[in-house]
Amino acid sequence: MKMKGLIVAALVLASSSVLADQIPSDAASTPVVEHYTYSDHLDIKRVIDSPDITSFCGVRPVRMTYEDHNDKVHVMEYQVSGSGCNDN
């Protein structure tokens, strides 16, 4: 019975170390979402990802990912009015 317990413990330890190896190393460097206000002064060197505002109608929050001049990546959330409205 003790042998089964040791085997189970060894399997649990082995599987947890395998799972830990699968966690992306950049998880700690994931940027925090910043909420835009009109008075913010943005330092945008390069836009990495921006939303497609033609795919919806109305105002909703969207996120843009960009890099500043210090090569730091930011994620900014802001309100935008979608242009996908059909005025029939």
PDB file of N, CA and C in Angstrom:
ATOM      1  N   MET A   1       0.816  -1.191   0.000  1.00  0.00           N
ATOM      2  CA  MET A   1       0.000   0.000   0.000  1.00  0.00           C
ATOM      3  C   MET A   1       0.863   1.260   0.000  1.00  0.00           C
ATOM      4  N   LYS A   2       1.981   1.209   0.728  1.00  0.00           N
ATOM      5  CA  LYS A   2       2.871   2.365   0.763  1.00  0.00           C
ATOM      6  C   LYS A   2       3.478   2.621  -0.610  1.00  0.00           C
ATOM      7  N   MET A   3       3.714   1.549  -1.352  1.00  0.00           N
ATOM      8  CA  MET A   3       4.305   1.689  -2.678  1.00  0.00           C
ATOM      9  C   MET A   3       3.358   2.442  -3.615  1.00  0.00           C
ATOM     10  N   LYS A   4       2.050   2.169  -3.527  1.00  0.00           N
ATOM     11  CA  LYS A   4       1.074   2.883  -4.358  1.00  0.00           C
ATOM     12  C   LYS A   4       1.083   4.373  -4.022  1.00  0.00           C
ATOM     13  N   GLY A   5       1.173   4.694  -2.746  1.00  0.00           N
ATOM     14  CA  GLY A   5       1.215   6.091  -2.317  1.00  0.00           C
ATOM     15  C   GLY A   5       2.447   6.799  -2.843  1.00  0.00           C
ATOM     16  N   LEU A   6       3.590   6.106  -2.821  1.00  0.00           N
ATOM     17  CA  LEU A   6       4.823   6.692  -3.340  1.00  0.00           C
ATOM     18  C   LEU A   6       4.744   6.912  -4.850  1.00  0.00           C
ATOM     19  N   ILE A   7       4.139   5.956  -5.545  1.00  0.00           N
ATOM     20  CA  ILE A   7       4.005   6.085  -6.998  1.00  0.00           C
ATOM     21  C   ILE A   7       3.085   7.255  -7.344  1.00  0.00           C
ATOM     22  N   VAL A   8       1.971   7.363  -6.627  1.00  0.00           N
ATOM     23  CA  VAL A   8       1.042   8.473  -6.867  1.00  0.00           C
ATOM     24  C   VAL A   8       1.725   9.807  -6.582  1.00  0.00           C
ATOM     25  N   ALA A   9       2.458   9.893  -5.484  1.00  0.00           N
ATOM     26  CA  ALA A   9       3.160  11.127  -5.138  1.00  0.00           C
ATOM     27  C   ALA A   9       4.189  11.486  -6.209  1.00  0.00           C
ATOM     28  N   ALA A  10       4.909  10.486  -6.712  1.00  0.00           N
ATOM     29  CA  ALA A  10       5.905  10.731  -7.754  1.00  0.00           C
ATOM     30  C   ALA A  10       5.238  11.223  -9.038  1.00  0.00           C
ATOM     31  N   LEU A  11       4.092  10.630  -9.388  1.00  0.00           N
ATOM     32  CA  LEU A  11       3.375  11.063 -10.590  1.00  0.00           C
ATOM     33  C   LEU A  11       2.849  12.491 -10.454  1.00  0.00           C
ATOM     34  N   VAL A  12       2.356  12.829  -9.273  1.00  0.00           N
ATOM     35  CA  VAL A  12       1.856  14.188  -9.049  1.00  0.00           C
ATOM     36  C   VAL A  12       2.993  15.197  -9.172  1.00  0.00           C
ATOM     37  N   LEU A  13       4.128  14.898  -8.573  1.00  0.00           N
ATOM     38  CA  LEU A  13       5.275  15.804  -8.660  1.00  0.00           C
ATOM     39  C   LEU A  13       5.763  15.948 -10.098  1.00  0.00           C
ATOM     40  N   ALA A  14       5.823  14.829 -10.808  1.00  0.00           N
ATOM     41  CA  ALA A  14       6.295  14.867 -12.192  1.00  0.00           C
ATOM     42  C   ALA A  14       5.334  15.661 -13.075  1.00  0.00           C
ATOM     43  N   SER A  15       4.031  15.444 -12.906  1.00  0.00           N
ATOM     44  CA  SER A  15       3.067  16.152 -13.752  1.00  0.00           C
ATOM     45  C   SER A  15       3.028  17.640 -13.435  1.00  0.00           C
ATOM     46  N   SER A  16       3.210  18.010 -12.171  1.00  0.00           N
ATOM     47  CA  SER A  16       3.198  19.437 -11.842  1.00  0.00           C
ATOM     48  C   SER A  16       4.421  20.145 -12.409  1.00  0.00           C
ATOM     49  N   SER A  17       5.556  19.470 -12.461  1.00  0.00           N
ATOM     50  CA  SER A  17       6.736  20.110 -13.045  1.00  0.00           C
ATOM     51  C   SER A  17       6.596  20.234 -14.555  1.00  0.00           C
ATOM     52  N   VAL A  18       5.923  19.276 -15.191  1.00  0.00           N
ATOM     53  CA  VAL A  18       5.674  19.367 -16.628  1.00  0.00           C
ATOM     54  C   VAL A  18       4.739  20.534 -16.912  1.00  0.00           C
ATOM     55  N   LEU A  19       3.693  20.685 -16.107  1.00  0.00           N
ATOM     56  CA  LEU A  19       2.768  21.801 -16.300  1.00  0.00           C
ATOM     57  C   LEU A  19       3.457  23.135 -16.076  1.00  0.00           C
ATOM     58  N   ALA A  20       4.338  23.210 -15.111  1.00  0.00           N
ATOM     59  CA  ALA A  20       5.056  24.456 -14.847  1.00  0.00           C
ATOM     60  C   ALA A  20       5.945  24.825 -16.023  1.00  0.00           C
ATOM     61  N   ASP A  21       6.504  23.828 -16.702  1.00  0.00           N
ATOM     62  CA  ASP A  21       7.342  24.099 -17.870  1.00  0.00           C
ATOM     63  C   ASP A  21       6.526  24.623 -19.042  1.00  0.00           C
ATOM     64  N   GLN A  22       5.210  24.319 -19.073  1.00  0.00           N
ATOM     65  CA  GLN A  22       4.370  24.730 -20.186  1.00  0.00           C
ATOM     66  C   GLN A  22       3.826  26.142 -20.033  1.00  0.00           C
ATOM     67  N   ILE A  23       3.965  26.756 -18.867  1.00  0.00           N
ATOM     68  CA  ILE A  23       3.508  28.123 -18.667  1.00  0.00           C
ATOM     69  C   ILE A  23       4.442  29.049 -19.439  1.00  0.00           C
ATOM     70  N   PRO A  24       3.900  29.922 -20.287  1.00  0.00           N
ATOM     71  CA  PRO A  24       4.767  30.809 -21.064  1.00  0.00           C
ATOM     72  C   PRO A  24       5.636  31.671 -20.162  1.00  0.00           C
ATOM     73  N   SER A  25       6.881  31.822 -20.564  1.00  0.00           N
ATOM     74  CA  SER A  25       7.815  32.596 -19.752  1.00  0.00           C
ATOM     75  C   SER A  25       7.478  34.081 -19.765  1.00  0.00           C
ATOM     76  N   ASP A  26       6.716  34.529 -20.770  1.00  0.00           N
ATOM     77  CA  ASP A  26       6.369  35.944 -20.839  1.00  0.00           C
ATOM     78  C   ASP A  26       5.076  36.252 -20.090  1.00  0.00           C
ATOM     79  N   ALA A  27       4.531  35.286 -19.345  1.00  0.00           N
ATOM     80  CA  ALA A  27       3.299  35.530 -18.595  1.00  0.00           C
ATOM     81  C   ALA A  27       3.494  36.636 -17.572  1.00  0.00           C
ATOM     82  N   ALA A  28       4.675  36.716 -16.989  1.00  0.00           N
ATOM     83  CA  ALA A  28       4.946  37.758 -16.001  1.00  0.00           C
ATOM     84  C   ALA A  28       5.095  39.123 -16.659  1.00  0.00           C
ATOM     85  N   SER A  29       5.431  39.149 -17.955  1.00  0.00           N
ATOM     86  CA  SER A  29       5.635  40.427 -18.628  1.00  0.00           C
ATOM     87  C   SER A  29       4.409  40.870 -19.426  1.00  0.00           C
ATOM     88  N   THR A  30       3.266  40.200 -19.231  1.00  0.00           N
ATOM     89  CA  THR A  30       2.048  40.597 -19.911  1.00  0.00           C
ATOM     90  C   THR A  30       1.642  41.990 -19.443  1.00  0.00           C
ATOM     91  N   PRO A  31       1.460  42.920 -20.377  1.00  0.00           N
ATOM     92  CA  PRO A  31       1.149  44.289 -19.963  1.00  0.00           C
ATOM     93  C   PRO A  31      -0.226  44.400 -19.304  1.00  0.00           C
ATOM     94  N   VAL A  32      -0.315  45.309 -18.359  1.00  0.00           N
ATOM     95  CA  VAL A  32      -1.572  45.605 -17.683  1.00  0.00           C
ATOM     96  C   VAL A  32      -2.405  46.494 -18.597  1.00  0.00           C
ATOM     97  N   VAL A  33      -3.703  46.267 -18.628  1.00  0.00           N
ATOM     98  CA  VAL A  33      -4.578  47.090 -19.461  1.00  0.00           C
ATOM     99  C   VAL A  33      -4.711  48.473 -18.834  1.00  0.00           C
ATOM    100  N   GLU A  34      -4.366  49.493 -19.619  1.00  0.00           N
ATOM    101  CA  GLU A  34      -4.471  50.883 -19.178  1.00  0.00           C
ATOM    102  C   GLU A  34      -5.760  51.464 -19.752  1.00  0.00           C
ATOM    103  N   HIS A  35      -6.486  52.223 -18.966  1.00  0.00           N
ATOM    104  CA  HIS A  35      -7.737  52.834 -19.422  1.00  0.00           C
ATOM    105  C   HIS A  35      -7.468  54.275 -19.838  1.00  0.00           C
ATOM    106  N   TYR A  36      -7.766  54.569 -21.092  1.00  0.00           N
ATOM    107  CA  TYR A  36      -7.477  55.881 -21.670  1.00  0.00           C
ATOM    108  C   TYR A  36      -8.420  56.951 -21.129  1.00  0.00           C
ATOM    109  N   THR A  37      -7.859  58.106 -20.848  1.00  0.00           N
ATOM    110  CA  THR A  37      -8.645  59.307 -20.563  1.00  0.00           C
ATOM    111  C   THR A  37      -8.172  60.399 -21.517  1.00  0.00           C
ATOM    112  N   TYR A  38      -9.020  61.375 -21.740  1.00  0.00           N
ATOM    113  CA  TYR A  38      -8.736  62.410 -22.729  1.00  0.00           C
ATOM    114  C   TYR A  38      -7.455  63.180 -22.427  1.00  0.00           C
ATOM    115  N   SER A  39      -7.098  63.289 -21.169  1.00  0.00           N
ATOM    116  CA  SER A  39      -5.905  64.065 -20.803  1.00  0.00           C
ATOM    117  C   SER A  39      -4.603  63.266 -20.904  1.00  0.00           C
ATOM    118  N   ASP A  40      -4.683  61.975 -21.240  1.00  0.00           N
ATOM    119  CA  ASP A  40      -3.469  61.158 -21.355  1.00  0.00           C
ATOM    120  C   ASP A  40      -2.612  61.618 -22.530  1.00  0.00           C
ATOM    121  N   HIS A  41      -1.315  61.665 -22.306  1.00  0.00           N
ATOM    122  CA  HIS A  41      -0.354  61.961 -23.372  1.00  0.00           C
ATOM    123  C   HIS A  41       0.301  60.638 -23.758  1.00  0.00           C
ATOM    124  N   LEU A  42      -0.007  60.159 -24.945  1.00  0.00           N
ATOM    125  CA  LEU A  42       0.457  58.841 -25.371  1.00  0.00           C
ATOM    126  C   LEU A  42       1.792  58.931 -26.094  1.00  0.00           C
ATOM    127  N   ASP A  43       2.645  57.955 -25.842  1.00  0.00           N
ATOM    128  CA  ASP A  43       3.942  57.832 -26.503  1.00  0.00           C
ATOM    129  C   ASP A  43       3.875  56.570 -27.355  1.00  0.00           C
ATOM    130  N   ILE A  44       3.422  56.704 -28.590  1.00  0.00           N
ATOM    131  CA  ILE A  44       3.229  55.546 -29.465  1.00  0.00           C
ATOM    132  C   ILE A  44       4.290  55.559 -30.552  1.00  0.00           C
ATOM    133  N   LYS A  45       5.162  54.572 -30.494  1.00  0.00           N
ATOM    134  CA  LYS A  45       6.181  54.399 -31.529  1.00  0.00           C
ATOM    135  C   LYS A  45       5.636  53.517 -32.654  1.00  0.00           C
ATOM    136  N   ARG A  46       4.913  52.458 -32.249  1.00  0.00           N
ATOM    137  CA  ARG A  46       4.422  51.489 -33.232  1.00  0.00           C
ATOM    138  C   ARG A  46       3.154  50.837 -32.702  1.00  0.00           C
ATOM    139  N   VAL A  47       2.120  50.758 -33.541  1.00  0.00           N
ATOM    140  CA  VAL A  47       0.890  50.057 -33.180  1.00  0.00           C
ATOM    141  C   VAL A  47       1.073  48.587 -33.528  1.00  0.00           C
ATOM    142  N   ILE A  48       0.875  47.728 -32.544  1.00  0.00           N
ATOM    143  CA  ILE A  48       1.030  46.290 -32.737  1.00  0.00           C
ATOM    144  C   ILE A  48      -0.295  45.666 -33.154  1.00  0.00           C
ATOM    145  N   ASP A  49      -1.385  46.070 -32.504  1.00  0.00           N
ATOM    146  CA  ASP A  49      -2.705  45.521 -32.805  1.00  0.00           C
ATOM    147  C   ASP A  49      -3.760  46.573 -32.497  1.00  0.00           C
ATOM    148  N   SER A  50      -4.689  46.746 -33.411  1.00  0.00           N
ATOM    149  CA  SER A  50      -5.791  47.676 -33.176  1.00  0.00           C
ATOM    150  C   SER A  50      -7.084  47.015 -33.645  1.00  0.00           C
ATOM    151  N   PRO A  51      -8.214  47.434 -33.084  1.00  0.00           N
ATOM    152  CA  PRO A  51      -9.479  46.759 -33.386  1.00  0.00           C
ATOM    153  C   PRO A  51     -10.035  47.128 -34.759  1.00  0.00           C
ATOM    154  N   ASP A  52     -10.869  46.243 -35.274  1.00  0.00           N
ATOM    155  CA  ASP A  52     -11.607  46.503 -36.508  1.00  0.00           C
ATOM    156  C   ASP A  52     -12.954  47.096 -36.101  1.00  0.00           C
ATOM    157  N   ILE A  53     -13.105  48.396 -36.253  1.00  0.00           N
ATOM    158  CA  ILE A  53     -14.341  49.042 -35.804  1.00  0.00           C
ATOM    159  C   ILE A  53     -15.452  48.959 -36.844  1.00  0.00           C
ATOM    160  N   THR A  54     -15.193  48.332 -37.996  1.00  0.00           N
ATOM    161  CA  THR A  54     -16.240  48.158 -39.002  1.00  0.00           C
ATOM    162  C   THR A  54     -17.099  46.937 -38.717  1.00  0.00           C
ATOM    163  N   SER A  55     -16.727  46.146 -37.715  1.00  0.00           N
ATOM    164  CA  SER A  55     -17.439  44.895 -37.445  1.00  0.00           C
ATOM    165  C   SER A  55     -18.566  45.040 -36.425  1.00  0.00           C
ATOM    166  N   PHE A  56     -18.811  46.249 -35.914  1.00  0.00           N
ATOM    167  CA  PHE A  56     -19.892  46.428 -34.939  1.00  0.00           C
ATOM    168  C   PHE A  56     -20.493  47.824 -35.065  1.00  0.00           C
ATOM    169  N   CYS A  57     -21.665  47.974 -34.471  1.00  0.00           N
ATOM    170  CA  CYS A  57     -22.379  49.247 -34.486  1.00  0.00           C
ATOM    171  C   CYS A  57     -22.591  49.698 -33.051  1.00  0.00           C
ATOM    172  N   GLY A  58     -22.394  50.966 -32.787  1.00  0.00           N
ATOM    173  CA  GLY A  58     -22.583  51.495 -31.444  1.00  0.00           C
ATOM    174  C   GLY A  58     -21.259  51.703 -30.728  1.00  0.00           C
ATOM    175  N   VAL A  59     -21.354  52.194 -29.503  1.00  0.00           N
ATOM    176  CA  VAL A  59     -20.165  52.492 -28.702  1.00  0.00           C
ATOM    177  C   VAL A  59     -19.844  51.302 -27.814  1.00  0.00           C
ATOM    178  N   ARG A  60     -18.571  50.936 -27.786  1.00  0.00           N
ATOM    179  CA  ARG A  60     -18.128  49.854 -26.908  1.00  0.00           C
ATOM    180  C   ARG A  60     -16.636  49.996 -26.639  1.00  0.00           C
ATOM    181  N   PRO A  61     -16.157  49.341 -25.573  1.00  0.00           N
ATOM    182  CA  PRO A  61     -14.722  49.409 -25.280  1.00  0.00           C
ATOM    183  C   PRO A  61     -13.928  48.495 -26.211  1.00  0.00           C
ATOM    184  N   VAL A  62     -12.784  48.971 -26.645  1.00  0.00           N
ATOM    185  CA  VAL A  62     -11.860  48.183 -27.464  1.00  0.00           C
ATOM    186  C   VAL A  62     -10.457  48.352 -26.891  1.00  0.00           C
ATOM    187  N   ARG A  63      -9.560  47.492 -27.325  1.00  0.00           N
ATOM    188  CA  ARG A  63      -8.176  47.554 -26.842  1.00  0.00           C
ATOM    189  C   ARG A  63      -7.208  47.673 -28.008  1.00  0.00           C
ATOM    190  N   MET A  64      -6.210  48.516 -27.815  1.00  0.00           N
ATOM    191  CA  MET A  64      -5.138  48.678 -28.782  1.00  0.00           C
ATOM    192  C   MET A  64      -3.823  48.330 -28.080  1.00  0.00           C
ATOM    193  N   THR A  65      -2.999  47.546 -28.749  1.00  0.00           N
ATOM    194  CA  THR A  65      -1.681  47.202 -28.228  1.00  0.00           C
ATOM    195  C   THR A  65      -0.650  48.004 -29.009  1.00  0.00           C
ATOM    196  N   TYR A  66       0.240  48.658 -28.280  1.00  0.00           N
ATOM    197  CA  TYR A  66       1.249  49.480 -28.941  1.00  0.00           C
ATOM    198  C   TYR A  66       2.571  49.434 -28.176  1.00  0.00           C
ATOM    199  N   GLU A  67       3.609  49.895 -28.852  1.00  0.00           N
ATOM    200  CA  GLU A  67       4.951  49.957 -28.273  1.00  0.00           C
ATOM    201  C   GLU A  67       5.357  51.424 -28.164  1.00  0.00           C
ATOM    202  N   ASP A  68       5.928  51.806 -27.016  1.00  0.00           N
ATOM    203  CA  ASP A  68       6.371  53.193 -26.849  1.00  0.00           C
ATOM    204  C   ASP A  68       7.828  53.339 -27.300  1.00  0.00           C
ATOM    205  N   HIS A  69       8.376  54.539 -27.183  1.00  0.00           N
ATOM    206  CA  HIS A  69       9.740  54.801 -27.653  1.00  0.00           C
ATOM    207  C   HIS A  69      10.820  54.189 -26.760  1.00  0.00           C
ATOM    208  N   ASN A  70      10.425  53.610 -25.637  1.00  0.00           N
ATOM    209  CA  ASN A  70      11.360  52.849 -24.793  1.00  0.00           C
ATOM    210  C   ASN A  70      11.204  51.354 -25.027  1.00  0.00           C
ATOM    211  N   ASP A  71      10.494  50.987 -26.106  1.00  0.00           N
ATOM    212  CA  ASP A  71      10.237  49.600 -26.497  1.00  0.00           C
ATOM    213  C   ASP A  71       9.415  48.829 -25.468  1.00  0.00           C
ATOM    214  N   LYS A  72       8.628  49.530 -24.671  1.00  0.00           N
ATOM    215  CA  LYS A  72       7.733  48.886 -23.713  1.00  0.00           C
ATOM    216  C   LYS A  72       6.368  48.719 -24.375  1.00  0.00           C
ATOM    217  N   VAL A  73       5.765  47.536 -24.209  1.00  0.00           N
ATOM    218  CA  VAL A  73       4.468  47.244 -24.810  1.00  0.00           C
ATOM    219  C   VAL A  73       3.356  47.648 -23.839  1.00  0.00           C
ATOM    220  N   HIS A  74       2.340  48.321 -24.385  1.00  0.00           N
ATOM    221  CA  HIS A  74       1.184  48.770 -23.607  1.00  0.00           C
ATOM    222  C   HIS A  74      -0.088  48.232 -24.244  1.00  0.00           C
ATOM    223  N   VAL A  75      -1.097  48.009 -23.419  1.00  0.00           N
ATOM    224  CA  VAL A  75      -2.437  47.697 -23.902  1.00  0.00           C
ATOM    225  C   VAL A  75      -3.355  48.780 -23.356  1.00  0.00           C
ATOM    226  N   MET A  76      -3.987  49.512 -24.262  1.00  0.00           N
ATOM    227  CA  MET A  76      -4.849  50.617 -23.860  1.00  0.00           C
ATOM    228  C   MET A  76      -6.291  50.297 -24.227  1.00  0.00           C
ATOM    229  N   GLU A  77      -7.191  50.481 -23.270  1.00  0.00           N
ATOM    230  CA  GLU A  77      -8.613  50.287 -23.527  1.00  0.00           C
ATOM    231  C   GLU A  77      -9.282  51.652 -23.621  1.00  0.00           C
ATOM    232  N   TYR A  78     -10.148  51.798 -24.611  1.00  0.00           N
ATOM    233  CA  TYR A  78     -10.840  53.066 -24.808  1.00  0.00           C
ATOM    234  C   TYR A  78     -12.190  52.803 -25.458  1.00  0.00           C
ATOM    235  N   GLN A  79     -13.073  53.786 -25.404  1.00  0.00           N
ATOM    236  CA  GLN A  79     -14.402  53.688 -26.002  1.00  0.00           C
ATOM    237  C   GLN A  79     -14.341  54.165 -27.448  1.00  0.00           C
ATOM    238  N   VAL A  80     -15.016  53.445 -28.325  1.00  0.00           N
ATOM    239  CA  VAL A  80     -15.054  53.846 -29.729  1.00  0.00           C
ATOM    240  C   VAL A  80     -16.447  53.553 -30.280  1.00  0.00           C
ATOM    241  N   SER A  81     -16.843  54.353 -31.239  1.00  0.00           N
ATOM    242  CA  SER A  81     -18.115  54.141 -31.916  1.00  0.00           C
ATOM    243  C   SER A  81     -17.849  53.341 -33.183  1.00  0.00           C
ATOM    244  N   GLY A  82     -18.437  52.171 -33.270  1.00  0.00           N
ATOM    245  CA  GLY A  82     -18.240  51.315 -34.432  1.00  0.00           C
ATOM    246  C   GLY A  82     -18.867  51.911 -35.678  1.00  0.00           C
ATOM    247  N   SER A  83     -18.285  51.605 -36.815  1.00  0.00           N
ATOM    248  CA  SER A  83     -18.783  52.161 -38.076  1.00  0.00           C
ATOM    249  C   SER A  83     -19.533  51.125 -38.904  1.00  0.00           C
ATOM    250  N   GLY A  84     -19.904  50.018 -38.293  1.00  0.00           N
ATOM    251  CA  GLY A  84     -20.597  48.965 -39.027  1.00  0.00           C
ATOM    252  C   GLY A  84     -22.105  49.075 -38.980  1.00  0.00           C
ATOM    253  N   CYS A  85     -22.628  50.279 -38.822  1.00  0.00           N
ATOM    254  CA  CYS A  85     -24.078  50.488 -38.730  1.00  0.00           C
ATOM    255  C   CYS A  85     -24.681  50.608 -40.129  1.00  0.00           C
ATOM    256  N   ASN A  86     -25.845  50.010 -40.304  1.00  0.00           N
ATOM    257  CA  ASN A  86     -26.581  50.133 -41.562  1.00  0.00           C
ATOM    258  C   ASN A  86     -27.754  51.068 -41.328  1.00  0.00           C
ATOM    259  N   ASP A  87     -27.728  52.224 -41.945  1.00  0.00           N
ATOM    260  CA  ASP A  87     -28.812  53.202 -41.794  1.00  0.00           C
ATOM    261  C   ASP A  87     -29.785  53.058 -42.954  1.00  0.00           C
ATOM    262  N   ASN A  88     -30.640  52.066 -42.882  1.00  0.00           N
ATOM    263  CA  ASN A  88     -31.609  51.824 -43.966  1.00  0.00           C
ATOM    264  C   ASN A  88     -32.894  52.541 -43.708  1.00  0.00           C
TER     265      ASN A  88
END
